[in-house]
Amino acid sequence: MLLSPIVGFSSGSLLFHFQHLEQGETGEGAAYGGAILGLFTCANGFLMLLGGFIYVLVLKLRAR
């Protein structure tokens, strides 16, 4: 979750770098792609964190 802004920015930068800017394109698609990758990375980290909390909760409840 903490690295998702870095992943989003770097992937957006790479997508913008490799995009062919012809016919007046501004590279908005690269920005949207980087934002989507950053959000997916953040969501993945959140789900892993939530799964870890649930796992620890189940272990604590079974120990009783």
N, C-alpha and C. Protein backbone atom coordinates (compact mmCIF):
# COMPACT_ATOMS: atom_id res chain seq x y z
N MET A 1 0.82 -1.19 0.00
CA MET A 1 0.00 0.00 0.00
C MET A 1 0.86 1.25 0.00
N LEU A 2 2.00 1.18 0.68
CA LEU A 2 2.85 2.36 0.76
C LEU A 2 3.59 2.63 -0.55
N LEU A 3 3.83 1.61 -1.33
CA LEU A 3 4.57 1.79 -2.58
C LEU A 3 3.66 2.05 -3.78
N SER A 4 2.35 2.04 -3.58
CA SER A 4 1.45 2.21 -4.72
C SER A 4 1.61 3.57 -5.42
N PRO A 5 1.85 4.68 -4.72
CA PRO A 5 2.08 5.93 -5.47
C PRO A 5 3.34 5.86 -6.34
N ILE A 6 4.36 5.20 -5.83
CA ILE A 6 5.60 5.08 -6.59
C ILE A 6 5.38 4.20 -7.82
N VAL A 7 4.66 3.10 -7.64
CA VAL A 7 4.37 2.21 -8.76
C VAL A 7 3.49 2.93 -9.79
N GLY A 8 2.49 3.64 -9.33
CA GLY A 8 1.61 4.37 -10.24
C GLY A 8 2.34 5.44 -11.02
N PHE A 9 3.19 6.21 -10.33
CA PHE A 9 3.91 7.28 -11.01
C PHE A 9 4.92 6.72 -12.00
N SER A 10 5.68 5.69 -11.59
CA SER A 10 6.70 5.15 -12.49
C SER A 10 6.08 4.44 -13.68
N SER A 11 4.98 3.71 -13.47
CA SER A 11 4.34 3.06 -14.62
C SER A 11 3.71 4.09 -15.55
N GLY A 12 3.13 5.14 -15.01
CA GLY A 12 2.59 6.21 -15.85
C GLY A 12 3.69 6.91 -16.64
N SER A 13 4.84 7.10 -16.00
CA SER A 13 5.96 7.73 -16.68
C SER A 13 6.49 6.84 -17.81
N LEU A 14 6.58 5.54 -17.54
CA LEU A 14 7.04 4.62 -18.59
C LEU A 14 6.03 4.52 -19.73
N LEU A 15 4.75 4.48 -19.39
CA LEU A 15 3.73 4.44 -20.43
C LEU A 15 3.76 5.70 -21.28
N PHE A 16 3.99 6.84 -20.64
CA PHE A 16 4.07 8.10 -21.38
C PHE A 16 5.32 8.13 -22.26
N HIS A 17 6.41 7.58 -21.75
CA HIS A 17 7.66 7.57 -22.51
C HIS A 17 7.55 6.72 -23.78
N PHE A 18 6.88 5.59 -23.67
CA PHE A 18 6.78 4.67 -24.80
C PHE A 18 5.59 4.96 -25.71
N GLN A 19 4.74 5.90 -25.33
CA GLN A 19 3.59 6.24 -26.16
C GLN A 19 4.05 7.08 -27.34
N HIS A 20 3.47 6.83 -28.49
CA HIS A 20 3.80 7.60 -29.68
C HIS A 20 2.94 8.86 -29.70
N LEU A 21 3.55 9.99 -29.44
CA LEU A 21 2.82 11.26 -29.40
C LEU A 21 2.76 11.84 -30.81
N GLU A 22 1.73 11.47 -31.50
CA GLU A 22 1.52 11.94 -32.86
C GLU A 22 0.14 12.58 -32.96
N GLN A 23 -0.04 13.42 -33.90
CA GLN A 23 -1.33 14.02 -34.22
C GLN A 23 -1.94 14.75 -33.04
N GLY A 24 -1.12 15.43 -32.26
CA GLY A 24 -1.63 16.26 -31.18
C GLY A 24 -2.08 15.52 -29.94
N GLU A 25 -1.66 14.29 -29.75
CA GLU A 25 -2.04 13.55 -28.54
C GLU A 25 -1.30 14.14 -27.34
N THR A 26 -1.95 14.14 -26.20
CA THR A 26 -1.37 14.74 -25.01
C THR A 26 -0.87 13.72 -24.00
N GLY A 27 -1.08 12.44 -24.22
CA GLY A 27 -0.60 11.42 -23.31
C GLY A 27 -1.52 11.16 -22.14
N GLU A 28 -2.79 11.51 -22.26
CA GLU A 28 -3.72 11.30 -21.15
C GLU A 28 -3.95 9.82 -20.88
N GLY A 29 -3.88 9.01 -21.92
CA GLY A 29 -4.06 7.57 -21.74
C GLY A 29 -2.99 6.98 -20.86
N ALA A 30 -1.76 7.46 -20.99
CA ALA A 30 -0.67 6.99 -20.14
C ALA A 30 -0.92 7.38 -18.69
N ALA A 31 -1.45 8.57 -18.48
CA ALA A 31 -1.76 9.00 -17.11
C ALA A 31 -2.87 8.15 -16.51
N TYR A 32 -3.89 7.87 -17.28
CA TYR A 32 -4.98 7.03 -16.78
C TYR A 32 -4.48 5.61 -16.49
N GLY A 33 -3.63 5.09 -17.36
CA GLY A 33 -3.07 3.75 -17.13
C GLY A 33 -2.23 3.70 -15.88
N GLY A 34 -1.40 4.71 -15.65
CA GLY A 34 -0.59 4.75 -14.43
C GLY A 34 -1.45 4.88 -13.18
N ALA A 35 -2.51 5.68 -13.27
CA ALA A 35 -3.41 5.82 -12.11
C ALA A 35 -4.12 4.52 -11.80
N ILE A 36 -4.56 3.82 -12.83
CA ILE A 36 -5.25 2.55 -12.63
C ILE A 36 -4.31 1.52 -12.02
N LEU A 37 -3.07 1.45 -12.52
CA LEU A 37 -2.10 0.52 -11.95
C LEU A 37 -1.79 0.87 -10.49
N GLY A 38 -1.68 2.15 -10.18
CA GLY A 38 -1.45 2.56 -8.80
C GLY A 38 -2.61 2.21 -7.89
N LEU A 39 -3.84 2.40 -8.37
CA LEU A 39 -5.01 2.05 -7.56
C LEU A 39 -5.12 0.55 -7.36
N PHE A 40 -4.82 -0.23 -8.40
CA PHE A 40 -4.85 -1.69 -8.26
C PHE A 40 -3.79 -2.16 -7.27
N THR A 41 -2.62 -1.54 -7.27
CA THR A 41 -1.57 -1.90 -6.33
C THR A 41 -2.00 -1.57 -4.90
N CYS A 42 -2.63 -0.43 -4.72
CA CYS A 42 -3.11 -0.04 -3.39
C CYS A 42 -4.21 -0.98 -2.91
N ALA A 43 -5.13 -1.33 -3.80
CA ALA A 43 -6.21 -2.25 -3.43
C ALA A 43 -5.65 -3.63 -3.09
N ASN A 44 -4.65 -4.08 -3.84
CA ASN A 44 -4.03 -5.37 -3.55
C ASN A 44 -3.37 -5.35 -2.17
N GLY A 45 -2.66 -4.28 -1.85
CA GLY A 45 -2.04 -4.17 -0.53
C GLY A 45 -3.08 -4.12 0.58
N PHE A 46 -4.18 -3.43 0.34
CA PHE A 46 -5.25 -3.36 1.34
C PHE A 46 -5.86 -4.74 1.57
N LEU A 47 -6.09 -5.49 0.50
CA LEU A 47 -6.65 -6.83 0.65
C LEU A 47 -5.69 -7.77 1.38
N MET A 48 -4.40 -7.63 1.11
CA MET A 48 -3.42 -8.45 1.83
C MET A 48 -3.39 -8.09 3.31
N LEU A 49 -3.48 -6.80 3.63
CA LEU A 49 -3.50 -6.36 5.01
C LEU A 49 -4.76 -6.86 5.72
N LEU A 50 -5.89 -6.75 5.05
CA LEU A 50 -7.15 -7.24 5.62
C LEU A 50 -7.10 -8.75 5.84
N GLY A 51 -6.54 -9.47 4.87
CA GLY A 51 -6.41 -10.92 5.01
C GLY A 51 -5.52 -11.30 6.19
N GLY A 52 -4.45 -10.53 6.41
CA GLY A 52 -3.57 -10.78 7.54
C GLY A 52 -4.28 -10.54 8.86
N PHE A 53 -5.08 -9.48 8.94
CA PHE A 53 -5.84 -9.22 10.16
C PHE A 53 -6.85 -10.34 10.43
N ILE A 54 -7.52 -10.79 9.42
CA ILE A 54 -8.50 -11.87 9.59
C ILE A 54 -7.80 -13.16 10.01
N TYR A 55 -6.63 -13.43 9.41
CA TYR A 55 -5.88 -14.64 9.76
C TYR A 55 -5.46 -14.62 11.22
N VAL A 56 -4.95 -13.48 11.69
CA VAL A 56 -4.54 -13.36 13.09
C VAL A 56 -5.75 -13.46 14.01
N LEU A 57 -6.86 -12.87 13.62
CA LEU A 57 -8.08 -12.96 14.42
C LEU A 57 -8.56 -14.40 14.55
N VAL A 58 -8.52 -15.14 13.47
CA VAL A 58 -8.94 -16.55 13.51
C VAL A 58 -7.99 -17.35 14.39
N LEU A 59 -6.70 -17.10 14.31
CA LEU A 59 -5.74 -17.82 15.16
C LEU A 59 -5.98 -17.51 16.65
N LYS A 60 -6.27 -16.26 16.95
CA LYS A 60 -6.53 -15.88 18.34
C LYS A 60 -7.82 -16.51 18.86
N LEU A 61 -8.85 -16.58 18.00
CA LEU A 61 -10.11 -17.17 18.44
C LEU A 61 -10.00 -18.69 18.60
N ARG A 62 -9.17 -19.35 17.80
CA ARG A 62 -9.00 -20.79 17.94
C ARG A 62 -8.18 -21.14 19.19
N ALA A 63 -7.32 -20.23 19.62
CA ALA A 63 -6.46 -20.48 20.78
C ALA A 63 -7.27 -20.47 22.09
N ARG A 64 -8.43 -19.90 22.06
CA ARG A 64 -9.25 -19.85 23.29
C ARG A 64 -9.76 -21.16 23.65
